[in-house]
C-alpha atoms as a PDB file:
ATOM      1  CA  UNK A   1      67.847 174.215   2.209  1.00  0.00           C
ATOM      2  CA  UNK A   2      71.529 173.631   2.439  1.00  0.00           C
ATOM      3  CA  UNK A   3      73.229 171.212  -0.099  1.00  0.00           C
ATOM      4  CA  UNK A   4      76.241 169.511  -0.193  1.00  0.00           C
ATOM      5  CA  UNK A   5      77.319 171.241  -3.394  1.00  0.00           C
ATOM      6  CA  UNK A   6      78.752 174.760  -3.542  1.00  0.00           C
ATOM      7  CA  UNK A   7      76.841 177.490  -5.743  1.00  0.00           C
ATOM      8  CA  UNK A   8      77.799 177.810  -9.059  1.00  0.00           C
ATOM      9  CA  UNK A   9      79.395 181.320 -10.271  1.00  0.00           C
ATOM     10  CA  UNK A  10      79.589 181.668 -13.914  1.00  0.00           C
ATOM     11  CA  UNK A  11      80.923 185.344 -13.619  1.00  0.00           C
ATOM     12  CA  UNK A  12      83.205 184.460 -10.680  1.00  0.00           C
ATOM     13  CA  UNK A  13      86.793 185.929 -10.268  1.00  0.00           C
ATOM     14  CA  UNK A  14      88.199 182.978 -12.193  1.00  0.00           C
ATOM     15  CA  UNK A  15      85.610 183.120 -15.156  1.00  0.00           C
ATOM     16  CA  UNK A  16      87.925 185.801 -16.924  1.00  0.00           C
ATOM     17  CA  UNK A  17      90.699 183.389 -16.896  1.00  0.00           C
ATOM     18  CA  UNK A  18      89.144 180.448 -18.528  1.00  0.00           C
ATOM     19  CA  UNK A  19      89.802 176.769 -18.025  1.00  0.00           C
ATOM     20  CA  UNK A  20      93.411 175.807 -16.908  1.00  0.00           C
ATOM     21  CA  UNK A  21      94.767 173.070 -19.168  1.00  0.00           C
ATOM     22  CA  UNK A  22      97.632 171.047 -17.290  1.00  0.00           C
ATOM     23  CA  UNK A  23     100.648 170.795 -19.678  1.00  0.00           C
ATOM     24  CA  UNK A  24     102.258 167.315 -20.051  1.00  0.00           C
ATOM     25  CA  UNK A  25     105.959 167.280 -20.731  1.00  0.00           C
ATOM     26  CA  UNK A  26     106.830 165.581 -24.322  1.00  0.00           C
ATOM     27  CA  UNK A  27     109.008 163.001 -22.774  1.00  0.00           C
ATOM     28  CA  UNK A  28     106.008 161.654 -21.079  1.00  0.00           C
ATOM     29  CA  UNK A  29     104.390 161.386 -24.616  1.00  0.00           C
ATOM     30  CA  UNK A  30     106.790 159.365 -26.612  1.00  0.00           C
ATOM     31  CA  UNK A  31     106.786 156.023 -24.983  1.00  0.00           C
ATOM     32  CA  UNK A  32     103.094 156.110 -25.273  1.00  0.00           C
ATOM     33  CA  UNK A  33     103.309 156.927 -29.294  1.00  0.00           C
ATOM     34  CA  UNK A  34     105.801 153.887 -29.508  1.00  0.00           C
ATOM     35  CA  UNK A  35     103.352 151.700 -27.974  1.00  0.00           C
ATOM     36  CA  UNK A  36     100.646 153.032 -30.228  1.00  0.00           C
ATOM     37  CA  UNK A  37     102.812 152.459 -33.328  1.00  0.00           C
ATOM     38  CA  UNK A  38     103.233 148.720 -32.062  1.00  0.00           C
ATOM     39  CA  UNK A  39      99.577 148.304 -31.883  1.00  0.00           C
ATOM     40  CA  UNK A  40      99.381 149.719 -35.349  1.00  0.00           C
ATOM     41  CA  UNK A  41     102.054 147.343 -36.572  1.00  0.00           C
ATOM     42  CA  UNK A  42     100.364 144.411 -34.925  1.00  0.00           C
ATOM     43  CA  UNK A  43      96.902 145.141 -36.496  1.00  0.00           C
ATOM     44  CA  UNK A  44      98.404 145.743 -39.891  1.00  0.00           C
ATOM     45  CA  UNK A  45     100.122 142.506 -39.636  1.00  0.00           C
ATOM     46  CA  UNK A  46      96.749 140.825 -39.371  1.00  0.00           C
ATOM     47  CA  UNK A  47      95.121 142.816 -42.317  1.00  0.00           C
ATOM     48  CA  UNK A  48      98.226 141.885 -44.412  1.00  0.00           C
ATOM     49  CA  UNK A  49      97.572 138.004 -43.636  1.00  0.00           C
ATOM     50  CA  UNK A  50      94.001 138.392 -44.538  1.00  0.00           C
ATOM     51  CA  UNK A  51      95.444 139.909 -48.080  1.00  0.00           C
ATOM     52  CA  UNK A  52      97.762 136.907 -48.419  1.00  0.00           C
ATOM     53  CA  UNK A  53     101.174 138.883 -47.863  1.00  0.00           C
ATOM     54  CA  UNK A  54     102.175 136.652 -45.324  1.00  0.00           C
ATOM     55  CA  UNK A  55     106.045 137.646 -45.074  1.00  0.00           C
ATOM     56  CA  UNK A  56     104.837 141.042 -44.451  1.00  0.00           C
ATOM     57  CA  UNK A  57     102.423 140.307 -42.154  1.00  0.00           C
ATOM     58  CA  UNK A  58     104.995 138.156 -40.021  1.00  0.00           C
ATOM     59  CA  UNK A  59     107.500 141.335 -40.482  1.00  0.00           C
ATOM     60  CA  UNK A  60     104.788 143.488 -38.753  1.00  0.00           C
ATOM     61  CA  UNK A  61     104.103 141.231 -35.998  1.00  0.00           C
ATOM     62  CA  UNK A  62     107.998 141.009 -35.399  1.00  0.00           C
ATOM     63  CA  UNK A  63     108.256 144.677 -35.428  1.00  0.00           C
ATOM     64  CA  UNK A  64     105.246 145.186 -33.043  1.00  0.00           C
ATOM     65  CA  UNK A  65     107.081 142.730 -30.777  1.00  0.00           C
ATOM     66  CA  UNK A  66     110.280 144.917 -30.993  1.00  0.00           C
ATOM     67  CA  UNK A  67     108.578 148.178 -30.470  1.00  0.00           C
ATOM     68  CA  UNK A  68     106.600 146.665 -27.619  1.00  0.00           C
ATOM     69  CA  UNK A  69     109.808 145.454 -25.874  1.00  0.00           C
ATOM     70  CA  UNK A  70     111.606 149.044 -26.103  1.00  0.00           C
ATOM     71  CA  UNK A  71     108.792 151.045 -25.155  1.00  0.00           C
ATOM     72  CA  UNK A  72     109.137 150.372 -21.312  1.00  0.00           C
ATOM     73  CA  UNK A  73     112.841 150.824 -21.618  1.00  0.00           C
ATOM     74  CA  UNK A  74     112.628 154.096 -23.176  1.00  0.00           C
ATOM     75  CA  UNK A  75     110.215 155.373 -20.604  1.00  0.00           C
ATOM     76  CA  UNK A  76     112.552 154.321 -18.063  1.00  0.00           C
ATOM     77  CA  UNK A  77     115.503 156.018 -19.670  1.00  0.00           C
ATOM     78  CA  UNK A  78     113.705 159.323 -20.194  1.00  0.00           C
ATOM     79  CA  UNK A  79     111.983 158.886 -16.747  1.00  0.00           C
ATOM     80  CA  UNK A  80     108.506 158.959 -18.162  1.00  0.00           C
ATOM     81  CA  UNK A  81     106.786 156.116 -16.621  1.00  0.00           C
ATOM     82  CA  UNK A  82     103.118 156.257 -15.791  1.00  0.00           C
ATOM     83  CA  UNK A  83     100.324 154.302 -14.723  1.00  0.00           C
ATOM     84  CA  UNK A  84      98.757 155.276 -18.048  1.00  0.00           C
ATOM     85  CA  UNK A  85     101.560 153.938 -20.057  1.00  0.00           C
ATOM     86  CA  UNK A  86     101.570 150.848 -18.027  1.00  0.00           C
ATOM     87  CA  UNK A  87      97.902 150.049 -18.809  1.00  0.00           C
ATOM     88  CA  UNK A  88      98.434 150.876 -22.439  1.00  0.00           C
ATOM     89  CA  UNK A  89     101.412 148.799 -22.971  1.00  0.00           C
ATOM     90  CA  UNK A  90      99.189 145.742 -21.293  1.00  0.00           C
ATOM     91  CA  UNK A  91      96.617 146.351 -23.906  1.00  0.00           C
ATOM     92  CA  UNK A  92      99.043 146.552 -26.559  1.00  0.00           C
ATOM     93  CA  UNK A  93     100.640 143.267 -25.587  1.00  0.00           C
ATOM     94  CA  UNK A  94      97.568 141.367 -25.684  1.00  0.00           C
ATOM     95  CA  UNK A  95      97.072 142.472 -29.534  1.00  0.00           C
ATOM     96  CA  UNK A  96     100.683 142.365 -30.482  1.00  0.00           C
ATOM     97  CA  UNK A  97     101.593 138.977 -28.585  1.00  0.00           C
ATOM     98  CA  UNK A  98      98.238 137.135 -28.221  1.00  0.00           C
ATOM     99  CA  UNK A  99      95.635 138.106 -31.116  1.00  0.00           C
ATOM    100  CA  UNK A 100      98.140 139.009 -34.074  1.00  0.00           C
ATOM    101  CA  UNK A 101     100.275 136.084 -34.052  1.00  0.00           C
ATOM    102  CA  UNK A 102      97.462 133.499 -33.531  1.00  0.00           C
ATOM    103  CA  UNK A 103      95.463 135.125 -36.321  1.00  0.00           C
ATOM    104  CA  UNK A 104      98.491 135.284 -38.630  1.00  0.00           C
ATOM    105  CA  UNK A 105      99.366 131.446 -38.088  1.00  0.00           C
ATOM    106  CA  UNK A 106      95.580 130.451 -38.545  1.00  0.00           C
ATOM    107  CA  UNK A 107      95.135 132.299 -41.938  1.00  0.00           C
ATOM    108  CA  UNK A 108      98.472 130.899 -43.041  1.00  0.00           C
ATOM    109  CA  UNK A 109      98.228 127.210 -41.830  1.00  0.00           C
ATOM    110  CA  UNK A 110      95.779 126.653 -39.045  1.00  0.00           C
ATOM    111  CA  UNK A 111      92.595 126.781 -41.121  1.00  0.00           C
ATOM    112  CA  UNK A 112      93.458 123.759 -43.003  1.00  0.00           C
ATOM    113  CA  UNK A 113      93.248 122.102 -39.932  1.00  0.00           C
ATOM    114  CA  UNK A 114      89.679 123.365 -39.566  1.00  0.00           C
ATOM    115  CA  UNK A 115      88.100 122.967 -36.139  1.00  0.00           C
ATOM    116  CA  UNK A 116      91.197 121.906 -34.580  1.00  0.00           C
ATOM    117  CA  UNK A 117      93.129 124.741 -36.030  1.00  0.00           C
ATOM    118  CA  UNK A 118      90.832 127.339 -34.603  1.00  0.00           C
ATOM    119  CA  UNK A 119      90.618 125.911 -31.303  1.00  0.00           C
ATOM    120  CA  UNK A 120      94.555 125.983 -31.142  1.00  0.00           C
ATOM    121  CA  UNK A 121      94.374 129.569 -32.115  1.00  0.00           C
ATOM    122  CA  UNK A 122      91.923 130.264 -29.321  1.00  0.00           C
ATOM    123  CA  UNK A 123      93.751 128.584 -26.771  1.00  0.00           C
ATOM    124  CA  UNK A 124      97.189 130.216 -27.716  1.00  0.00           C
ATOM    125  CA  UNK A 125      95.354 133.785 -27.475  1.00  0.00           C
ATOM    126  CA  UNK A 126      93.627 132.897 -24.131  1.00  0.00           C
ATOM    127  CA  UNK A 127      97.106 131.667 -22.759  1.00  0.00           C
ATOM    128  CA  UNK A 128      98.707 135.020 -23.779  1.00  0.00           C
ATOM    129  CA  UNK A 129      96.280 136.955 -21.953  1.00  0.00           C
ATOM    130  CA  UNK A 130      96.534 134.772 -18.751  1.00  0.00           C
ATOM    131  CA  UNK A 131     100.229 134.904 -19.111  1.00  0.00           C
ATOM    132  CA  UNK A 132     100.245 138.843 -19.443  1.00  0.00           C
ATOM    133  CA  UNK A 133      97.549 139.091 -16.450  1.00  0.00           C
ATOM    134  CA  UNK A 134      99.739 136.997 -14.181  1.00  0.00           C
ATOM    135  CA  UNK A 135     102.934 139.159 -15.096  1.00  0.00           C
ATOM    136  CA  UNK A 136     100.980 142.405 -14.263  1.00  0.00           C
ATOM    137  CA  UNK A 137      99.901 140.972 -10.952  1.00  0.00           C
ATOM    138  CA  UNK A 138     103.622 139.703  -9.927  1.00  0.00           C
ATOM    139  CA  UNK A 139     105.046 143.307 -11.029  1.00  0.00           C
ATOM    140  CA  UNK A 140     102.706 145.256  -8.892  1.00  0.00           C
ATOM    141  CA  UNK A 141     103.611 143.742  -5.581  1.00  0.00           C
ATOM    142  CA  UNK A 142     105.394 145.555  -3.001  1.00  0.00           C
ATOM    143  CA  UNK A 143     107.286 142.454  -2.078  1.00  0.00           C
ATOM    144  CA  UNK A 144     108.744 140.459  -4.511  1.00  0.00           C
ATOM    145  CA  UNK A 145     110.880 137.141  -4.701  1.00  0.00           C
ATOM    146  CA  UNK A 146     114.534 137.294  -4.896  1.00  0.00           C
ATOM    147  CA  UNK A 147     114.367 135.283  -8.158  1.00  0.00           C
ATOM    148  CA  UNK A 148     111.848 137.693 -10.166  1.00  0.00           C
ATOM    149  CA  UNK A 149     114.538 139.865 -11.104  1.00  0.00           C
ATOM    150  CA  UNK A 150     116.534 137.066 -12.978  1.00  0.00           C
ATOM    151  CA  UNK A 151     113.604 134.566 -14.071  1.00  0.00           C
ATOM    152  CA  UNK A 152     110.369 134.846 -15.599  1.00  0.00           C
ATOM    153  CA  UNK A 153     107.281 132.635 -14.509  1.00  0.00           C
ATOM    154  CA  UNK A 154     106.534 130.563 -17.921  1.00  0.00           C
ATOM    155  CA  UNK A 155     107.616 131.843 -21.130  1.00  0.00           C
ATOM    156  CA  UNK A 156     107.302 135.375 -21.676  1.00  0.00           C
ATOM    157  CA  UNK A 157     104.505 136.603 -24.142  1.00  0.00           C
ATOM    158  CA  UNK A 158     107.145 138.394 -26.654  1.00  0.00           C
ATOM    159  CA  UNK A 159     108.893 135.207 -26.838  1.00  0.00           C
ATOM    160  CA  UNK A 160     105.756 133.434 -27.245  1.00  0.00           C
ATOM    161  CA  UNK A 161     104.750 135.199 -30.049  1.00  0.00           C
ATOM    162  CA  UNK A 162     108.044 134.540 -31.877  1.00  0.00           C
ATOM    163  CA  UNK A 163     107.695 130.766 -30.936  1.00  0.00           C
ATOM    164  CA  UNK A 164     104.310 130.452 -32.215  1.00  0.00           C
ATOM    165  CA  UNK A 165     105.218 131.360 -35.607  1.00  0.00           C
ATOM    166  CA  UNK A 166     107.549 128.530 -36.352  1.00  0.00           C
ATOM    167  CA  UNK A 167     104.970 126.898 -38.715  1.00  0.00           C
ATOM    168  CA  UNK A 168     104.933 130.052 -40.634  1.00  0.00           C
ATOM    169  CA  UNK A 169     108.759 130.143 -40.819  1.00  0.00           C
ATOM    170  CA  UNK A 170     108.874 126.687 -42.337  1.00  0.00           C
ATOM    171  CA  UNK A 171     106.314 127.490 -44.831  1.00  0.00           C
ATOM    172  CA  UNK A 172     108.314 130.504 -45.901  1.00  0.00           C
ATOM    173  CA  UNK A 173     111.088 127.962 -46.496  1.00  0.00           C
ATOM    174  CA  UNK A 174     109.162 125.751 -48.974  1.00  0.00           C
ATOM    175  CA  UNK A 175     107.421 123.196 -46.665  1.00  0.00           C
ATOM    176  CA  UNK A 176     103.976 122.702 -48.359  1.00  0.00           C
ATOM    177  CA  UNK A 177     100.807 123.255 -46.618  1.00  0.00           C
ATOM    178  CA  UNK A 178      98.911 120.211 -45.825  1.00  0.00           C
ATOM    179  CA  UNK A 179      96.374 118.738 -43.659  1.00  0.00           C
ATOM    180  CA  UNK A 180      98.910 116.915 -41.761  1.00  0.00           C
ATOM    181  CA  UNK A 181     101.259 120.095 -41.324  1.00  0.00           C
ATOM    182  CA  UNK A 182      98.160 122.217 -40.098  1.00  0.00           C
ATOM    183  CA  UNK A 183      97.362 119.375 -37.527  1.00  0.00           C
ATOM    184  CA  UNK A 184     101.008 119.357 -36.376  1.00  0.00           C
ATOM    185  CA  UNK A 185     101.010 122.973 -36.144  1.00  0.00           C
ATOM    186  CA  UNK A 186      97.987 122.918 -34.154  1.00  0.00           C
ATOM    187  CA  UNK A 187      99.681 120.619 -31.660  1.00  0.00           C
ATOM    188  CA  UNK A 188     102.731 122.869 -31.532  1.00  0.00           C
ATOM    189  CA  UNK A 189     100.614 126.030 -30.965  1.00  0.00           C
ATOM    190  CA  UNK A 190      98.874 124.394 -27.919  1.00  0.00           C
ATOM    191  CA  UNK A 191     102.285 123.435 -26.697  1.00  0.00           C
ATOM    192  CA  UNK A 192     103.378 126.937 -26.729  1.00  0.00           C
ATOM    193  CA  UNK A 193     100.182 128.077 -24.982  1.00  0.00           C
ATOM    194  CA  UNK A 194     101.028 125.552 -22.140  1.00  0.00           C
ATOM    195  CA  UNK A 195     104.701 126.980 -21.979  1.00  0.00           C
ATOM    196  CA  UNK A 196     103.121 130.575 -21.636  1.00  0.00           C
ATOM    197  CA  UNK A 197     101.066 129.558 -18.659  1.00  0.00           C
ATOM    198  CA  UNK A 198     103.314 127.048 -17.048  1.00  0.00           C
ATOM    199  CA  UNK A 199     105.565 127.603 -13.805  1.00  0.00           C
ATOM    200  CA  UNK A 200     108.456 126.697 -15.775  1.00  0.00           C
ATOM    201  CA  UNK A 201     111.365 129.175 -14.453  1.00  0.00           C
ATOM    202  CA  UNK A 202     112.576 131.261 -17.812  1.00  0.00           C
ATOM    203  CA  UNK A 203     115.915 133.111 -17.613  1.00  0.00           C
ATOM    204  CA  UNK A 204     115.140 136.694 -18.111  1.00  0.00           C
ATOM    205  CA  UNK A 205     118.456 138.192 -18.671  1.00  0.00           C
ATOM    206  CA  UNK A 206     117.295 141.259 -16.844  1.00  0.00           C
ATOM    207  CA  UNK A 207     119.260 140.807 -13.570  1.00  0.00           C
ATOM    208  CA  UNK A 208     120.756 143.922 -12.384  1.00  0.00           C
ATOM    209  CA  UNK A 209     123.673 141.775 -10.918  1.00  0.00           C
ATOM    210  CA  UNK A 210     124.734 139.971 -14.204  1.00  0.00           C
ATOM    211  CA  UNK A 211     128.154 140.924 -15.377  1.00  0.00           C
ATOM    212  CA  UNK A 212     130.512 139.741 -18.287  1.00  0.00           C
ATOM    213  CA  UNK A 213     134.093 139.850 -18.359  1.00  0.00           C
ATOM    214  CA  UNK A 214     135.972 142.814 -19.922  1.00  0.00           C
ATOM    215  CA  UNK A 215     137.885 140.525 -22.553  1.00  0.00           C
ATOM    216  CA  UNK A 216     134.486 139.037 -23.727  1.00  0.00           C
ATOM    217  CA  UNK A 217     132.594 142.277 -24.211  1.00  0.00           C
ATOM    218  CA  UNK A 218     133.936 142.873 -27.785  1.00  0.00           C
ATOM    219  CA  UNK A 219     133.519 139.079 -28.967  1.00  0.00           C
ATOM    220  CA  UNK A 220     129.888 139.533 -27.632  1.00  0.00           C
ATOM    221  CA  UNK A 221     129.346 142.677 -29.923  1.00  0.00           C
ATOM    222  CA  UNK A 222     130.682 140.975 -33.014  1.00  0.00           C
ATOM    223  CA  UNK A 223     128.501 137.981 -32.347  1.00  0.00           C
ATOM    224  CA  UNK A 224     125.604 140.555 -32.123  1.00  0.00           C
ATOM    225  CA  UNK A 225     126.482 142.044 -35.312  1.00  0.00           C
ATOM    226  CA  UNK A 226     127.048 138.724 -37.099  1.00  0.00           C
ATOM    227  CA  UNK A 227     123.571 137.473 -36.124  1.00  0.00           C
ATOM    228  CA  UNK A 228     121.750 140.695 -37.197  1.00  0.00           C
ATOM    229  CA  UNK A 229     123.659 140.548 -40.628  1.00  0.00           C
ATOM    230  CA  UNK A 230     122.640 136.688 -41.007  1.00  0.00           C
ATOM    231  CA  UNK A 231     118.965 137.508 -40.066  1.00  0.00           C
ATOM    232  CA  UNK A 232     118.922 140.223 -42.565  1.00  0.00           C
ATOM    233  CA  UNK A 233     120.324 137.987 -45.302  1.00  0.00           C
ATOM    234  CA  UNK A 234     118.809 134.605 -44.310  1.00  0.00           C
ATOM    235  CA  UNK A 235     115.628 135.913 -42.195  1.00  0.00           C
ATOM    236  CA  UNK A 236     113.593 132.879 -42.043  1.00  0.00           C
ATOM    237  CA  UNK A 237     116.596 130.136 -41.887  1.00  0.00           C
ATOM    238  CA  UNK A 238     117.855 132.072 -38.870  1.00  0.00           C
ATOM    239  CA  UNK A 239     114.397 132.670 -37.254  1.00  0.00           C
ATOM    240  CA  UNK A 240     113.781 128.782 -37.381  1.00  0.00           C
ATOM    241  CA  UNK A 241     117.223 128.248 -35.820  1.00  0.00           C
ATOM    242  CA  UNK A 242     116.459 130.959 -32.895  1.00  0.00           C
ATOM    243  CA  UNK A 243     113.464 129.374 -32.263  1.00  0.00           C
ATOM    244  CA  UNK A 244     114.540 125.677 -31.789  1.00  0.00           C
ATOM    245  CA  UNK A 245     117.837 127.133 -29.762  1.00  0.00           C
ATOM    246  CA  UNK A 246     115.416 128.925 -27.550  1.00  0.00           C
ATOM    247  CA  UNK A 247     113.550 125.905 -26.762  1.00  0.00           C
ATOM    248  CA  UNK A 248     116.281 123.500 -26.496  1.00  0.00           C
ATOM    249  CA  UNK A 249     117.801 126.264 -23.712  1.00  0.00           C
ATOM    250  CA  UNK A 250     114.463 126.136 -21.657  1.00  0.00           C
ATOM    251  CA  UNK A 251     115.580 123.093 -19.400  1.00  0.00           C
ATOM    252  CA  UNK A 252     118.998 124.620 -18.861  1.00  0.00           C
ATOM    253  CA  UNK A 253     117.532 127.753 -17.649  1.00  0.00           C
ATOM    254  CA  UNK A 254     115.298 125.744 -15.092  1.00  0.00           C
ATOM    255  CA  UNK A 255     118.165 123.444 -14.187  1.00  0.00           C
ATOM    256  CA  UNK A 256     120.143 126.583 -13.381  1.00  0.00           C
ATOM    257  CA  UNK A 257     117.057 128.015 -11.302  1.00  0.00           C
ATOM    258  CA  UNK A 258     116.985 124.850  -9.453  1.00  0.00           C
ATOM    259  CA  UNK A 259     120.542 124.898  -8.360  1.00  0.00           C
ATOM    260  CA  UNK A 260     120.352 128.423  -7.194  1.00  0.00           C
ATOM    261  CA  UNK A 261     116.982 128.183  -5.663  1.00  0.00           C
ATOM    262  CA  UNK A 262     116.742 124.565  -5.053  1.00  0.00           C
ATOM    263  CA  UNK A 263     115.104 124.647  -1.500  1.00  0.00           C
ATOM    264  CA  UNK A 264     112.019 126.787  -2.922  1.00  0.00           C
ATOM    265  CA  UNK A 265     109.600 126.250  -5.396  1.00  0.00           C
ATOM    266  CA  UNK A 266     108.401 128.544  -8.311  1.00  0.00           C
ATOM    267  CA  UNK A 267     105.158 129.426  -6.524  1.00  0.00           C
ATOM    268  CA  UNK A 268     106.483 130.144  -3.295  1.00  0.00           C
ATOM    269  CA  UNK A 269     109.272 132.562  -1.770  1.00  0.00           C
ATOM    270  CA  UNK A 270     109.885 134.384   1.609  1.00  0.00           C
ATOM    271  CA  UNK A 271     110.672 137.796   2.377  1.00  0.00           C
ATOM    272  CA  UNK A 272     113.518 139.045   4.711  1.00  0.00           C
ATOM    273  CA  UNK A 273     111.238 138.485   7.806  1.00  0.00           C
ATOM    274  CA  UNK A 274     110.499 134.863   6.759  1.00  0.00           C
ATOM    275  CA  UNK A 275     106.968 135.584   5.503  1.00  0.00           C
ATOM    276  CA  UNK A 276     105.775 133.468   2.708  1.00  0.00           C
ATOM    277  CA  UNK A 277     105.146 135.083  -0.810  1.00  0.00           C
ATOM    278  CA  UNK A 278     103.117 133.616  -3.204  1.00  0.00           C
ATOM    279  CA  UNK A 279     104.933 134.142  -6.645  1.00  0.00           C
ATOM    280  CA  UNK A 280     103.369 132.152  -8.958  1.00  0.00           C
ATOM    281  CA  UNK A 281     100.267 133.704 -10.106  1.00  0.00           C
ATOM    282  CA  UNK A 282      97.534 131.652 -10.967  1.00  0.00           C
END
């Protein structure tokens, strides 16, 4: 009786050579190692929060956000992008930008809001997951809207992780934790969750066509150096100011989008053939 499977020959002509292992270039592994380090930093931040080492916990969450932000760029620079790396990065994002900041915030202040604080942490984490899922779906489309190279749909997850920790920053500056502060922080956490899943156009800063005048290059570099120096010396004050400035600029980014793409909606675009593209995710 014939079978669809070929006979197995344990002593065949290739048996002496043994199994062949596929070699992977080292440059393909480096971005994945950075992603793993980001996951380790995020999970360590959660542990430090439960050990009441809150400043170190926030530092680890911010480090995780930094590492997660550079792994993709390093992969592109080294020409080491892969589907495996993309999936790994997505799994790291939900930990670093969803679970870690929510738990650190909950342990620091939201737990004093009891069930409302826990509900706010859950809502934020779920919103971060939905935001990342929508981003992945939009990034995989073959035909993309023109504005997708310049704007995000909703606040990006890395920014959301930094924004949602604002009550923790205030706590480090001396604001006494109380039930009122906890309830206000819970409301703020829900607002950030809404911004994550909203259809608000948010400027990404990743446009390939963006240009800067030559005479402004050196002043811009000096501003970045000054910001980093202030961040190192007055960490929590600078983070509070950065979060507030980011939130204030959101309406201006949406206004700029409407001026440039005012005839379209954030959920619909057309390709070169006039066909409709649903670009807004869920």
